[in-house]
Amino acid sequence: MNLTEHDHIITAFADSASGPGWANHPIWVIVRDKNTGVIRQECIQPDEQTDEMEILYKVSQVAHRAMTNAVESQSKLGRPK
């Protein structure tokens, strides 16, 4: 991951993907440059993850998917509950 002194990590979340014969378990990191306000996405591949990241991976993935589903459901309704 390429961070500078002007970068601020907004969030990080686990989001695995797979297909026939392959699977990947990256952690996606959303970063904002404090000077320009530009937001970008970085990726931490499994071989770059710490033990702590590996331990938290499943919890993060479940929370991420639940939040994504909740936001998608709300946006289809067009209004908050």
N, C-alpha and C. Protein backbone atom coordinates (compact mmCIF):
# COMPACT_ATOMS: atom_id res chain seq x y z
N MET A 1 0.85 -1.17 0.00
CA MET A 1 0.00 0.00 0.00
C MET A 1 0.90 1.23 0.00
N ASN A 2 0.54 2.20 -0.79
CA ASN A 2 1.35 3.42 -0.93
C ASN A 2 0.67 4.59 -0.23
N LEU A 3 1.13 4.91 0.98
CA LEU A 3 0.58 6.04 1.72
C LEU A 3 1.65 7.11 1.88
N THR A 4 1.20 8.38 1.86
CA THR A 4 2.10 9.50 2.11
C THR A 4 1.70 10.15 3.43
N GLU A 5 2.48 11.13 3.87
CA GLU A 5 2.17 11.83 5.12
C GLU A 5 0.87 12.62 5.02
N HIS A 6 0.40 12.89 3.81
CA HIS A 6 -0.83 13.66 3.62
C HIS A 6 -2.07 12.78 3.50
N ASP A 7 -1.89 11.47 3.57
CA ASP A 7 -3.01 10.55 3.42
C ASP A 7 -3.69 10.26 4.74
N HIS A 8 -4.99 10.08 4.67
CA HIS A 8 -5.80 9.72 5.83
C HIS A 8 -6.62 8.50 5.44
N ILE A 9 -6.51 7.41 6.21
CA ILE A 9 -7.32 6.22 5.93
C ILE A 9 -8.72 6.47 6.46
N ILE A 10 -9.69 6.44 5.55
CA ILE A 10 -11.09 6.65 5.92
C ILE A 10 -11.67 5.36 6.50
N THR A 11 -11.44 4.25 5.81
CA THR A 11 -11.93 2.95 6.27
C THR A 11 -11.17 1.84 5.57
N ALA A 12 -11.30 0.66 6.10
CA ALA A 12 -10.74 -0.54 5.48
C ALA A 12 -11.74 -1.67 5.71
N PHE A 13 -11.90 -2.52 4.70
CA PHE A 13 -12.87 -3.60 4.83
C PHE A 13 -12.46 -4.81 4.00
N ALA A 14 -12.90 -5.97 4.47
CA ALA A 14 -12.62 -7.23 3.78
C ALA A 14 -13.73 -7.50 2.78
N ASP A 15 -13.35 -7.95 1.60
CA ASP A 15 -14.34 -8.28 0.57
C ASP A 15 -13.73 -9.33 -0.35
N SER A 16 -13.99 -10.59 -0.05
CA SER A 16 -13.40 -11.67 -0.85
C SER A 16 -14.16 -11.83 -2.17
N ALA A 17 -13.48 -12.46 -3.09
CA ALA A 17 -14.06 -12.75 -4.40
C ALA A 17 -13.56 -14.12 -4.84
N SER A 18 -14.37 -14.81 -5.64
CA SER A 18 -13.94 -16.11 -6.13
C SER A 18 -14.67 -16.44 -7.42
N GLY A 19 -14.13 -17.41 -8.10
CA GLY A 19 -14.70 -17.90 -9.34
C GLY A 19 -14.24 -19.33 -9.53
N PRO A 20 -14.56 -19.92 -10.66
CA PRO A 20 -14.14 -21.30 -10.90
C PRO A 20 -12.60 -21.44 -10.82
N GLY A 21 -12.13 -22.13 -9.81
CA GLY A 21 -10.71 -22.40 -9.68
C GLY A 21 -9.86 -21.31 -9.07
N TRP A 22 -10.47 -20.24 -8.55
CA TRP A 22 -9.66 -19.18 -7.94
C TRP A 22 -10.44 -18.51 -6.81
N ALA A 23 -9.70 -17.89 -5.91
CA ALA A 23 -10.28 -17.12 -4.81
C ALA A 23 -9.26 -16.08 -4.37
N ASN A 24 -9.75 -14.95 -3.89
CA ASN A 24 -8.86 -13.91 -3.37
C ASN A 24 -9.52 -13.28 -2.15
N HIS A 25 -8.71 -12.92 -1.17
CA HIS A 25 -9.21 -12.37 0.09
C HIS A 25 -8.51 -11.05 0.40
N PRO A 26 -8.73 -10.02 -0.44
CA PRO A 26 -8.07 -8.73 -0.20
C PRO A 26 -8.77 -7.90 0.86
N ILE A 27 -8.03 -6.94 1.39
CA ILE A 27 -8.61 -5.90 2.23
C ILE A 27 -8.54 -4.62 1.42
N TRP A 28 -9.68 -3.95 1.27
CA TRP A 28 -9.76 -2.70 0.52
C TRP A 28 -9.65 -1.55 1.49
N VAL A 29 -8.83 -0.58 1.13
CA VAL A 29 -8.56 0.58 1.99
C VAL A 29 -8.95 1.85 1.23
N ILE A 30 -9.82 2.65 1.82
CA ILE A 30 -10.24 3.91 1.23
C ILE A 30 -9.42 5.02 1.88
N VAL A 31 -8.71 5.79 1.04
CA VAL A 31 -7.74 6.78 1.50
C VAL A 31 -8.12 8.15 0.93
N ARG A 32 -8.01 9.20 1.76
CA ARG A 32 -8.24 10.57 1.30
C ARG A 32 -6.96 11.37 1.48
N ASP A 33 -6.56 12.08 0.43
CA ASP A 33 -5.42 12.98 0.50
C ASP A 33 -5.89 14.24 1.23
N LYS A 34 -5.28 14.57 2.38
CA LYS A 34 -5.71 15.72 3.19
C LYS A 34 -5.53 17.04 2.46
N ASN A 35 -4.59 17.12 1.53
CA ASN A 35 -4.33 18.37 0.82
C ASN A 35 -5.32 18.61 -0.33
N THR A 36 -5.58 17.57 -1.09
CA THR A 36 -6.42 17.74 -2.29
C THR A 36 -7.85 17.26 -2.12
N GLY A 37 -8.09 16.44 -1.10
CA GLY A 37 -9.42 15.87 -0.90
C GLY A 37 -9.71 14.69 -1.81
N VAL A 38 -8.76 14.32 -2.65
CA VAL A 38 -8.96 13.21 -3.58
C VAL A 38 -9.03 11.90 -2.80
N ILE A 39 -10.03 11.10 -3.14
CA ILE A 39 -10.23 9.80 -2.50
C ILE A 39 -9.82 8.71 -3.49
N ARG A 40 -9.11 7.71 -2.96
CA ARG A 40 -8.71 6.58 -3.81
C ARG A 40 -8.85 5.29 -3.01
N GLN A 41 -8.75 4.20 -3.72
CA GLN A 41 -8.85 2.88 -3.10
C GLN A 41 -7.53 2.14 -3.27
N GLU A 42 -7.04 1.58 -2.19
CA GLU A 42 -5.83 0.76 -2.20
C GLU A 42 -6.24 -0.67 -1.84
N CYS A 43 -5.39 -1.63 -2.14
CA CYS A 43 -5.69 -3.03 -1.88
C CYS A 43 -4.53 -3.68 -1.12
N ILE A 44 -4.86 -4.42 -0.08
CA ILE A 44 -3.86 -5.19 0.65
C ILE A 44 -4.14 -6.66 0.34
N GLN A 45 -3.23 -7.29 -0.36
CA GLN A 45 -3.39 -8.70 -0.74
C GLN A 45 -3.10 -9.59 0.47
N PRO A 46 -3.60 -10.84 0.44
CA PRO A 46 -3.41 -11.73 1.59
C PRO A 46 -1.96 -11.88 2.04
N ASP A 47 -1.02 -11.93 1.12
CA ASP A 47 0.38 -12.12 1.52
C ASP A 47 0.99 -10.86 2.15
N GLU A 48 0.26 -9.74 2.13
CA GLU A 48 0.70 -8.49 2.74
C GLU A 48 -0.01 -8.21 4.07
N GLN A 49 -0.97 -9.04 4.43
CA GLN A 49 -1.78 -8.81 5.62
C GLN A 49 -1.07 -9.30 6.88
N THR A 50 -1.29 -8.57 7.97
CA THR A 50 -0.74 -8.94 9.26
C THR A 50 -1.61 -10.03 9.89
N ASP A 51 -1.10 -10.63 10.96
CA ASP A 51 -1.89 -11.63 11.70
C ASP A 51 -3.20 -11.02 12.20
N GLU A 52 -3.13 -9.78 12.68
CA GLU A 52 -4.34 -9.11 13.19
C GLU A 52 -5.37 -8.93 12.08
N MET A 53 -4.92 -8.55 10.88
CA MET A 53 -5.84 -8.40 9.75
C MET A 53 -6.50 -9.73 9.41
N GLU A 54 -5.72 -10.80 9.43
CA GLU A 54 -6.27 -12.13 9.13
C GLU A 54 -7.33 -12.54 10.16
N ILE A 55 -7.07 -12.24 11.43
CA ILE A 55 -8.02 -12.57 12.50
C ILE A 55 -9.33 -11.80 12.32
N LEU A 56 -9.24 -10.53 11.93
CA LEU A 56 -10.42 -9.68 11.79
C LEU A 56 -11.14 -9.85 10.45
N TYR A 57 -10.56 -10.56 9.52
CA TYR A 57 -11.07 -10.63 8.15
C TYR A 57 -12.54 -11.05 8.08
N LYS A 58 -12.89 -12.18 8.68
CA LYS A 58 -14.27 -12.68 8.57
C LYS A 58 -15.28 -11.73 9.20
N VAL A 59 -14.93 -11.16 10.35
CA VAL A 59 -15.84 -10.21 11.01
C VAL A 59 -16.06 -9.00 10.10
N SER A 60 -14.99 -8.48 9.52
CA SER A 60 -15.10 -7.33 8.63
C SER A 60 -15.94 -7.65 7.40
N GLN A 61 -15.72 -8.83 6.84
CA GLN A 61 -16.47 -9.20 5.64
C GLN A 61 -17.96 -9.31 5.92
N VAL A 62 -18.33 -9.93 7.04
CA VAL A 62 -19.74 -10.07 7.40
C VAL A 62 -20.36 -8.69 7.62
N ALA A 63 -19.67 -7.82 8.36
CA ALA A 63 -20.20 -6.47 8.62
C ALA A 63 -20.30 -5.67 7.32
N HIS A 64 -19.30 -5.76 6.47
CA HIS A 64 -19.31 -5.04 5.19
C HIS A 64 -20.49 -5.47 4.33
N ARG A 65 -20.69 -6.77 4.20
CA ARG A 65 -21.80 -7.26 3.37
C ARG A 65 -23.15 -6.89 3.94
N ALA A 66 -23.28 -6.95 5.27
CA ALA A 66 -24.54 -6.57 5.91
C ALA A 66 -24.83 -5.09 5.69
N MET A 67 -23.83 -4.24 5.85
CA MET A 67 -24.02 -2.80 5.64
C MET A 67 -24.34 -2.51 4.18
N THR A 68 -23.62 -3.15 3.26
CA THR A 68 -23.89 -2.95 1.83
C THR A 68 -25.32 -3.35 1.49
N ASN A 69 -25.77 -4.49 2.01
CA ASN A 69 -27.14 -4.94 1.76
C ASN A 69 -28.16 -3.96 2.34
N ALA A 70 -27.88 -3.44 3.54
CA ALA A 70 -28.80 -2.48 4.18
C ALA A 70 -28.90 -1.20 3.36
N VAL A 71 -27.77 -0.71 2.85
CA VAL A 71 -27.78 0.51 2.04
C VAL A 71 -28.49 0.27 0.72
N GLU A 72 -28.23 -0.88 0.10
CA GLU A 72 -28.92 -1.20 -1.16
C GLU A 72 -30.42 -1.30 -0.95
N SER A 73 -30.85 -1.92 0.13
CA SER A 73 -32.28 -2.04 0.42
C SER A 73 -32.91 -0.67 0.63
N GLN A 74 -32.24 0.19 1.38
CA GLN A 74 -32.76 1.53 1.64
C GLN A 74 -32.84 2.33 0.36
N SER A 75 -31.85 2.21 -0.49
CA SER A 75 -31.84 3.01 -1.72
C SER A 75 -32.93 2.55 -2.68
N LYS A 76 -33.31 1.29 -2.64
CA LYS A 76 -34.40 0.80 -3.48
C LYS A 76 -35.75 1.33 -3.01
N LEU A 77 -35.86 1.56 -1.70
CA LEU A 77 -37.09 2.12 -1.15
C LEU A 77 -37.17 3.61 -1.43
N GLY A 78 -36.03 4.25 -1.58
CA GLY A 78 -36.00 5.69 -1.87
C GLY A 78 -36.17 6.57 -0.66
N ARG A 79 -36.25 5.99 0.50
CA ARG A 79 -36.43 6.79 1.71
C ARG A 79 -35.91 6.01 2.91
N PRO A 80 -35.44 6.72 3.95
CA PRO A 80 -35.02 6.04 5.18
C PRO A 80 -36.22 5.52 5.95
N LYS A 81 -36.00 4.54 6.81
CA LYS A 81 -37.07 3.99 7.65
C LYS A 81 -37.51 5.00 8.67
